[in-house]
């Protein structure tokens, strides 16, 4: 999540340097961030689903743990 939070904070700081953001812009920026986060989670969970037993062992997960994580919806943390 830290990799996604940094661009969000950078964009907010850059836009904030222009002056206070209108409420609609703040909401739009937050929505864009959340959608990006959901897309990142969906890609990560899809990749996790494709890992074989050897790679799961390398990251310290069992097949059951990987399955539980991969089955979560994108909006679930």
PDB file of N, CA and C in Angstrom:
ATOM      1  N   UNK A   1       0.818  -1.193   0.000  1.00  0.00           N
ATOM      2  CA  UNK A   1       0.000   0.000   0.000  1.00  0.00           C
ATOM      3  C   UNK A   1       0.860   1.254   0.000  1.00  0.00           C
ATOM      4  N   UNK A   2       2.059   1.181   0.565  1.00  0.00           N
ATOM      5  CA  UNK A   2       2.923   2.350   0.621  1.00  0.00           C
ATOM      6  C   UNK A   2       3.273   2.842  -0.777  1.00  0.00           C
ATOM      7  N   UNK A   3       3.403   1.917  -1.739  1.00  0.00           N
ATOM      8  CA  UNK A   3       3.747   2.338  -3.083  1.00  0.00           C
ATOM      9  C   UNK A   3       2.611   3.107  -3.735  1.00  0.00           C
ATOM     10  N   UNK A   4       1.379   2.800  -3.355  1.00  0.00           N
ATOM     11  CA  UNK A   4       0.253   3.534  -3.908  1.00  0.00           C
ATOM     12  C   UNK A   4      -0.020   4.822  -3.146  1.00  0.00           C
ATOM     13  N   UNK A   5       0.315   4.851  -1.878  1.00  0.00           N
ATOM     14  CA  UNK A   5       0.043   6.039  -1.082  1.00  0.00           C
ATOM     15  C   UNK A   5       0.972   7.183  -1.493  1.00  0.00           C
ATOM     16  N   UNK A   6       2.205   6.891  -1.844  1.00  0.00           N
ATOM     17  CA  UNK A   6       3.148   7.949  -2.198  1.00  0.00           C
ATOM     18  C   UNK A   6       2.690   8.781  -3.392  1.00  0.00           C
ATOM     19  N   UNK A   7       2.278   8.166  -4.516  1.00  0.00           N
ATOM     20  CA  UNK A   7       1.787   8.999  -5.627  1.00  0.00           C
ATOM     21  C   UNK A   7       0.546   9.802  -5.242  1.00  0.00           C
ATOM     22  N   UNK A   8      -0.315   9.220  -4.411  1.00  0.00           N
ATOM     23  CA  UNK A   8      -1.505   9.942  -3.956  1.00  0.00           C
ATOM     24  C   UNK A   8      -1.096  11.183  -3.177  1.00  0.00           C
ATOM     25  N   UNK A   9      -0.165  11.028  -2.241  1.00  0.00           N
ATOM     26  CA  UNK A   9       0.286  12.166  -1.447  1.00  0.00           C
ATOM     27  C   UNK A   9       1.027  13.178  -2.312  1.00  0.00           C
ATOM     28  N   UNK A  10       1.811  12.691  -3.264  1.00  0.00           N
ATOM     29  CA  UNK A  10       2.547  13.599  -4.146  1.00  0.00           C
ATOM     30  C   UNK A  10       1.580  14.423  -4.999  1.00  0.00           C
ATOM     31  N   UNK A  11       0.568  13.760  -5.549  1.00  0.00           N
ATOM     32  CA  UNK A  11      -0.408  14.482  -6.368  1.00  0.00           C
ATOM     33  C   UNK A  11      -1.183  15.480  -5.527  1.00  0.00           C
ATOM     34  N   UNK A  12      -1.546  15.068  -4.318  1.00  0.00           N
ATOM     35  CA  UNK A  12      -2.299  15.968  -3.433  1.00  0.00           C
ATOM     36  C   UNK A  12      -1.453  17.179  -3.048  1.00  0.00           C
ATOM     37  N   UNK A  13      -0.164  16.950  -2.776  1.00  0.00           N
ATOM     38  CA  UNK A  13       0.726  18.055  -2.417  1.00  0.00           C
ATOM     39  C   UNK A  13       0.908  19.006  -3.601  1.00  0.00           C
ATOM     40  N   UNK A  14       1.055  18.429  -4.790  1.00  0.00           N
ATOM     41  CA  UNK A  14       1.239  19.262  -5.978  1.00  0.00           C
ATOM     42  C   UNK A  14      -0.006  20.096  -6.251  1.00  0.00           C
ATOM     43  N   UNK A  15      -1.169  19.475  -6.143  1.00  0.00           N
ATOM     44  CA  UNK A  15      -2.407  20.217  -6.350  1.00  0.00           C
ATOM     45  C   UNK A  15      -2.657  21.199  -5.212  1.00  0.00           C
ATOM     46  N   UNK A  16      -2.286  20.814  -4.005  1.00  0.00           N
ATOM     47  CA  UNK A  16      -2.474  21.681  -2.851  1.00  0.00           C
ATOM     48  C   UNK A  16      -1.587  22.916  -2.893  1.00  0.00           C
ATOM     49  N   UNK A  17      -0.460  22.804  -3.599  1.00  0.00           N
ATOM     50  CA  UNK A  17       0.437  23.958  -3.721  1.00  0.00           C
ATOM     51  C   UNK A  17      -0.218  25.081  -4.514  1.00  0.00           C
ATOM     52  N   UNK A  18      -1.207  24.733  -5.299  1.00  0.00           N
ATOM     53  CA  UNK A  18      -1.922  25.743  -6.078  1.00  0.00           C
ATOM     54  C   UNK A  18      -2.937  26.508  -5.232  1.00  0.00           C
ATOM     55  N   UNK A  19      -3.160  26.031  -4.039  1.00  0.00           N
ATOM     56  CA  UNK A  19      -4.146  26.621  -3.139  1.00  0.00           C
ATOM     57  C   UNK A  19      -5.041  25.517  -2.610  1.00  0.00           C
ATOM     58  N   UNK A  20      -5.958  25.880  -1.734  1.00  0.00           N
ATOM     59  CA  UNK A  20      -6.840  24.852  -1.188  1.00  0.00           C
ATOM     60  C   UNK A  20      -7.706  24.232  -2.292  1.00  0.00           C
ATOM     61  N   UNK A  21      -7.835  22.931  -2.235  1.00  0.00           N
ATOM     62  CA  UNK A  21      -8.634  22.236  -3.238  1.00  0.00           C
ATOM     63  C   UNK A  21     -10.119  22.355  -2.917  1.00  0.00           C
ATOM     64  N   UNK A  22     -10.928  22.521  -3.938  1.00  0.00           N
ATOM     65  CA  UNK A  22     -12.375  22.496  -3.712  1.00  0.00           C
ATOM     66  C   UNK A  22     -12.789  21.101  -3.230  1.00  0.00           C
ATOM     67  N   UNK A  23     -13.879  21.032  -2.545  1.00  0.00           N
ATOM     68  CA  UNK A  23     -14.350  19.765  -1.987  1.00  0.00           C
ATOM     69  C   UNK A  23     -14.538  18.730  -3.089  1.00  0.00           C
ATOM     70  N   UNK A  24     -15.084  19.118  -4.216  1.00  0.00           N
ATOM     71  CA  UNK A  24     -15.304  18.174  -5.320  1.00  0.00           C
ATOM     72  C   UNK A  24     -13.979  17.593  -5.814  1.00  0.00           C
ATOM     73  N   UNK A  25     -12.951  18.413  -5.871  1.00  0.00           N
ATOM     74  CA  UNK A  25     -11.635  17.933  -6.302  1.00  0.00           C
ATOM     75  C   UNK A  25     -11.047  16.974  -5.278  1.00  0.00           C
ATOM     76  N   UNK A  26     -11.230  17.262  -4.002  1.00  0.00           N
ATOM     77  CA  UNK A  26     -10.744  16.361  -2.954  1.00  0.00           C
ATOM     78  C   UNK A  26     -11.442  15.008  -3.051  1.00  0.00           C
ATOM     79  N   UNK A  27     -12.742  15.030  -3.276  1.00  0.00           N
ATOM     80  CA  UNK A  27     -13.509  13.791  -3.401  1.00  0.00           C
ATOM     81  C   UNK A  27     -13.055  13.016  -4.642  1.00  0.00           C
ATOM     82  N   UNK A  28     -12.892  13.702  -5.759  1.00  0.00           N
ATOM     83  CA  UNK A  28     -12.466  13.053  -7.001  1.00  0.00           C
ATOM     84  C   UNK A  28     -11.087  12.429  -6.841  1.00  0.00           C
ATOM     85  N   UNK A  29     -10.188  13.125  -6.174  1.00  0.00           N
ATOM     86  CA  UNK A  29      -8.848  12.603  -5.946  1.00  0.00           C
ATOM     87  C   UNK A  29      -8.894  11.363  -5.058  1.00  0.00           C
ATOM     88  N   UNK A  30      -9.710  11.397  -4.040  1.00  0.00           N
ATOM     89  CA  UNK A  30      -9.835  10.249  -3.138  1.00  0.00           C
ATOM     90  C   UNK A  30     -10.455   9.046  -3.854  1.00  0.00           C
ATOM     91  N   UNK A  31     -11.459   9.294  -4.690  1.00  0.00           N
ATOM     92  CA  UNK A  31     -12.086   8.214  -5.454  1.00  0.00           C
ATOM     93  C   UNK A  31     -11.064   7.596  -6.417  1.00  0.00           C
ATOM     94  N   UNK A  32     -10.300   8.427  -7.093  1.00  0.00           N
ATOM     95  CA  UNK A  32      -9.281   7.922  -8.011  1.00  0.00           C
ATOM     96  C   UNK A  32      -8.254   7.077  -7.276  1.00  0.00           C
ATOM     97  N   UNK A  33      -7.858   7.499  -6.092  1.00  0.00           N
ATOM     98  CA  UNK A  33      -6.913   6.731  -5.285  1.00  0.00           C
ATOM     99  C   UNK A  33      -7.500   5.376  -4.904  1.00  0.00           C
ATOM    100  N   UNK A  34      -8.733   5.356  -4.439  1.00  0.00           N
ATOM    101  CA  UNK A  34      -9.366   4.109  -4.016  1.00  0.00           C
ATOM    102  C   UNK A  34      -9.513   3.136  -5.184  1.00  0.00           C
ATOM    103  N   UNK A  35      -9.909   3.639  -6.349  1.00  0.00           N
ATOM    104  CA  UNK A  35     -10.048   2.779  -7.521  1.00  0.00           C
ATOM    105  C   UNK A  35      -8.684   2.204  -7.915  1.00  0.00           C
ATOM    106  N   UNK A  36      -7.640   3.013  -7.837  1.00  0.00           N
ATOM    107  CA  UNK A  36      -6.286   2.529  -8.131  1.00  0.00           C
ATOM    108  C   UNK A  36      -5.868   1.448  -7.138  1.00  0.00           C
ATOM    109  N   UNK A  37      -6.201   1.646  -5.886  1.00  0.00           N
ATOM    110  CA  UNK A  37      -5.878   0.663  -4.852  1.00  0.00           C
ATOM    111  C   UNK A  37      -6.612  -0.646  -5.107  1.00  0.00           C
ATOM    112  N   UNK A  38      -7.881  -0.566  -5.481  1.00  0.00           N
ATOM    113  CA  UNK A  38      -8.655  -1.776  -5.775  1.00  0.00           C
ATOM    114  C   UNK A  38      -8.055  -2.514  -6.974  1.00  0.00           C
ATOM    115  N   UNK A  39      -7.665  -1.776  -8.002  1.00  0.00           N
ATOM    116  CA  UNK A  39      -7.068  -2.402  -9.186  1.00  0.00           C
ATOM    117  C   UNK A  39      -5.754  -3.093  -8.819  1.00  0.00           C
ATOM    118  N   UNK A  40      -4.965  -2.455  -7.972  1.00  0.00           N
ATOM    119  CA  UNK A  40      -3.703  -3.047  -7.518  1.00  0.00           C
ATOM    120  C   UNK A  40      -3.962  -4.338  -6.749  1.00  0.00           C
ATOM    121  N   UNK A  41      -4.947  -4.307  -5.850  1.00  0.00           N
ATOM    122  CA  UNK A  41      -5.280  -5.517  -5.085  1.00  0.00           C
ATOM    123  C   UNK A  41      -5.758  -6.632  -6.000  1.00  0.00           C
ATOM    124  N   UNK A  42      -6.580  -6.297  -6.979  1.00  0.00           N
ATOM    125  CA  UNK A  42      -7.098  -7.311  -7.908  1.00  0.00           C
ATOM    126  C   UNK A  42      -5.956  -7.960  -8.692  1.00  0.00           C
ATOM    127  N   UNK A  43      -5.012  -7.150  -9.182  1.00  0.00           N
ATOM    128  CA  UNK A  43      -3.866  -7.697  -9.911  1.00  0.00           C
ATOM    129  C   UNK A  43      -3.002  -8.567  -9.010  1.00  0.00           C
ATOM    130  N   UNK A  44      -2.767  -8.104  -7.788  1.00  0.00           N
ATOM    131  CA  UNK A  44      -1.938  -8.862  -6.848  1.00  0.00           C
ATOM    132  C   UNK A  44      -2.576 -10.199  -6.493  1.00  0.00           C
ATOM    133  N   UNK A  45      -3.883 -10.194  -6.273  1.00  0.00           N
ATOM    134  CA  UNK A  45      -4.574 -11.431  -5.906  1.00  0.00           C
ATOM    135  C   UNK A  45      -4.645 -12.389  -7.086  1.00  0.00           C
ATOM    136  N   UNK A  46      -4.766 -11.862  -8.292  1.00  0.00           N
ATOM    137  CA  UNK A  46      -4.751 -12.714  -9.477  1.00  0.00           C
ATOM    138  C   UNK A  46      -3.379 -13.370  -9.628  1.00  0.00           C
ATOM    139  N   UNK A  47      -2.324 -12.613  -9.397  1.00  0.00           N
ATOM    140  CA  UNK A  47      -0.969 -13.166  -9.481  1.00  0.00           C
ATOM    141  C   UNK A  47      -0.741 -14.209  -8.381  1.00  0.00           C
ATOM    142  N   UNK A  48      -1.260 -13.958  -7.198  1.00  0.00           N
ATOM    143  CA  UNK A  48      -1.122 -14.909  -6.094  1.00  0.00           C
ATOM    144  C   UNK A  48      -1.803 -16.230  -6.439  1.00  0.00           C
ATOM    145  N   UNK A  49      -2.946 -16.142  -7.084  1.00  0.00           N
ATOM    146  CA  UNK A  49      -3.690 -17.337  -7.482  1.00  0.00           C
ATOM    147  C   UNK A  49      -2.866 -18.214  -8.433  1.00  0.00           C
ATOM    148  N   UNK A  50      -1.988 -17.599  -9.213  1.00  0.00           N
ATOM    149  CA  UNK A  50      -1.226 -18.320 -10.228  1.00  0.00           C
ATOM    150  C   UNK A  50       0.077 -18.929  -9.703  1.00  0.00           C
ATOM    151  N   UNK A  51       0.456 -18.627  -8.467  1.00  0.00           N
ATOM    152  CA  UNK A  51       1.723 -19.142  -7.944  1.00  0.00           C
ATOM    153  C   UNK A  51       1.648 -20.634  -7.671  1.00  0.00           C
ATOM    154  N   UNK A  52       2.758 -21.326  -7.949  1.00  0.00           N
ATOM    155  CA  UNK A  52       2.798 -22.756  -7.643  1.00  0.00           C
ATOM    156  C   UNK A  52       3.269 -22.962  -6.196  1.00  0.00           C
ATOM    157  N   UNK A  53       3.259 -24.195  -5.751  1.00  0.00           N
ATOM    158  CA  UNK A  53       3.566 -24.527  -4.356  1.00  0.00           C
ATOM    159  C   UNK A  53       4.967 -24.070  -3.947  1.00  0.00           C
ATOM    160  N   UNK A  54       5.929 -24.206  -4.866  1.00  0.00           N
ATOM    161  CA  UNK A  54       7.302 -23.799  -4.557  1.00  0.00           C
ATOM    162  C   UNK A  54       7.393 -22.300  -4.274  1.00  0.00           C
ATOM    163  N   UNK A  55       6.745 -21.497  -5.097  1.00  0.00           N
ATOM    164  CA  UNK A  55       6.781 -20.046  -4.899  1.00  0.00           C
ATOM    165  C   UNK A  55       5.996 -19.624  -3.665  1.00  0.00           C
ATOM    166  N   UNK A  56       4.888 -20.302  -3.397  1.00  0.00           N
ATOM    167  CA  UNK A  56       4.141 -20.011  -2.177  1.00  0.00           C
ATOM    168  C   UNK A  56       4.996 -20.315  -0.954  1.00  0.00           C
ATOM    169  N   UNK A  57       5.754 -21.398  -1.013  1.00  0.00           N
ATOM    170  CA  UNK A  57       6.651 -21.743   0.086  1.00  0.00           C
ATOM    171  C   UNK A  57       7.713 -20.660   0.270  1.00  0.00           C
ATOM    172  N   UNK A  58       8.186 -20.104  -0.835  1.00  0.00           N
ATOM    173  CA  UNK A  58       9.194 -19.029  -0.767  1.00  0.00           C
ATOM    174  C   UNK A  58       8.669 -17.793  -0.041  1.00  0.00           C
ATOM    175  N   UNK A  59       7.384 -17.481  -0.206  1.00  0.00           N
ATOM    176  CA  UNK A  59       6.830 -16.301   0.466  1.00  0.00           C
ATOM    177  C   UNK A  59       6.182 -16.645   1.802  1.00  0.00           C
ATOM    178  N   UNK A  60       6.257 -17.922   2.181  1.00  0.00           N
ATOM    179  CA  UNK A  60       5.774 -18.323   3.497  1.00  0.00           C
ATOM    180  C   UNK A  60       4.265 -18.459   3.599  1.00  0.00           C
ATOM    181  N   UNK A  61       3.614 -18.836   2.501  1.00  0.00           N
ATOM    182  CA  UNK A  61       2.159 -19.019   2.508  1.00  0.00           C
ATOM    183  C   UNK A  61       1.820 -20.453   2.135  1.00  0.00           C
ATOM    184  N   UNK A  62       0.749 -20.944   2.713  1.00  0.00           N
ATOM    185  CA  UNK A  62       0.227 -22.239   2.312  1.00  0.00           C
ATOM    186  C   UNK A  62      -0.754 -22.025   1.170  1.00  0.00           C
ATOM    187  N   UNK A  63      -1.114 -23.107   0.505  1.00  0.00           N
ATOM    188  CA  UNK A  63      -2.090 -23.018  -0.581  1.00  0.00           C
ATOM    189  C   UNK A  63      -3.431 -22.504  -0.037  1.00  0.00           C
ATOM    190  N   UNK A  64      -3.802 -22.944   1.163  1.00  0.00           N
ATOM    191  CA  UNK A  64      -5.068 -22.501   1.764  1.00  0.00           C
ATOM    192  C   UNK A  64      -5.050 -21.002   2.067  1.00  0.00           C
ATOM    193  N   UNK A  65      -3.934 -20.503   2.599  1.00  0.00           N
ATOM    194  CA  UNK A  65      -3.822 -19.069   2.878  1.00  0.00           C
ATOM    195  C   UNK A  65      -3.886 -18.262   1.581  1.00  0.00           C
ATOM    196  N   UNK A  66      -3.189 -18.744   0.557  1.00  0.00           N
ATOM    197  CA  UNK A  66      -3.191 -18.049  -0.730  1.00  0.00           C
ATOM    198  C   UNK A  66      -4.593 -18.048  -1.325  1.00  0.00           C
ATOM    199  N   UNK A  67      -5.293 -19.159  -1.197  1.00  0.00           N
ATOM    200  CA  UNK A  67      -6.653 -19.250  -1.723  1.00  0.00           C
ATOM    201  C   UNK A  67      -7.581 -18.271  -0.997  1.00  0.00           C
ATOM    202  N   UNK A  68      -7.460 -18.207   0.330  1.00  0.00           N
ATOM    203  CA  UNK A  68      -8.295 -17.277   1.106  1.00  0.00           C
ATOM    204  C   UNK A  68      -8.043 -15.838   0.692  1.00  0.00           C
ATOM    205  N   UNK A  69      -6.776 -15.472   0.505  1.00  0.00           N
ATOM    206  CA  UNK A  69      -6.431 -14.106   0.107  1.00  0.00           C
ATOM    207  C   UNK A  69      -6.887 -13.827  -1.326  1.00  0.00           C
ATOM    208  N   UNK A  70      -6.688 -14.786  -2.206  1.00  0.00           N
ATOM    209  CA  UNK A  70      -7.025 -14.592  -3.616  1.00  0.00           C
ATOM    210  C   UNK A  70      -8.536 -14.487  -3.833  1.00  0.00           C
ATOM    211  N   UNK A  71      -9.318 -15.063  -2.946  1.00  0.00           N
ATOM    212  CA  UNK A  71     -10.777 -15.034  -3.090  1.00  0.00           C
ATOM    213  C   UNK A  71     -11.413 -13.754  -2.551  1.00  0.00           C
ATOM    214  N   UNK A  72     -10.643 -12.926  -1.886  1.00  0.00           N
ATOM    215  CA  UNK A  72     -11.191 -11.674  -1.362  1.00  0.00           C
ATOM    216  C   UNK A  72     -11.560 -10.736  -2.506  1.00  0.00           C
ATOM    217  N   UNK A  73     -12.555  -9.930  -2.299  1.00  0.00           N
ATOM    218  CA  UNK A  73     -12.933  -8.900  -3.267  1.00  0.00           C
ATOM    219  C   UNK A  73     -11.884  -7.803  -3.262  1.00  0.00           C
ATOM    220  N   UNK A  74     -11.800  -7.070  -4.346  1.00  0.00           N
ATOM    221  CA  UNK A  74     -10.764  -6.032  -4.493  1.00  0.00           C
ATOM    222  C   UNK A  74     -10.896  -4.943  -3.435  1.00  0.00           C
ATOM    223  N   UNK A  75     -12.107  -4.674  -2.984  1.00  0.00           N
ATOM    224  CA  UNK A  75     -12.299  -3.582  -2.015  1.00  0.00           C
ATOM    225  C   UNK A  75     -12.067  -4.035  -0.579  1.00  0.00           C
ATOM    226  N   UNK A  76     -11.866  -5.329  -0.355  1.00  0.00           N
ATOM    227  CA  UNK A  76     -11.531  -5.806   0.994  1.00  0.00           C
ATOM    228  C   UNK A  76     -10.041  -5.667   1.218  1.00  0.00           C
ATOM    229  N   UNK A  77      -9.640  -5.095   2.331  1.00  0.00           N
ATOM    230  CA  UNK A  77      -8.183  -4.990   2.593  1.00  0.00           C
ATOM    231  C   UNK A  77      -7.553  -6.323   2.883  1.00  0.00           C
TER     232      UNK A  77
END
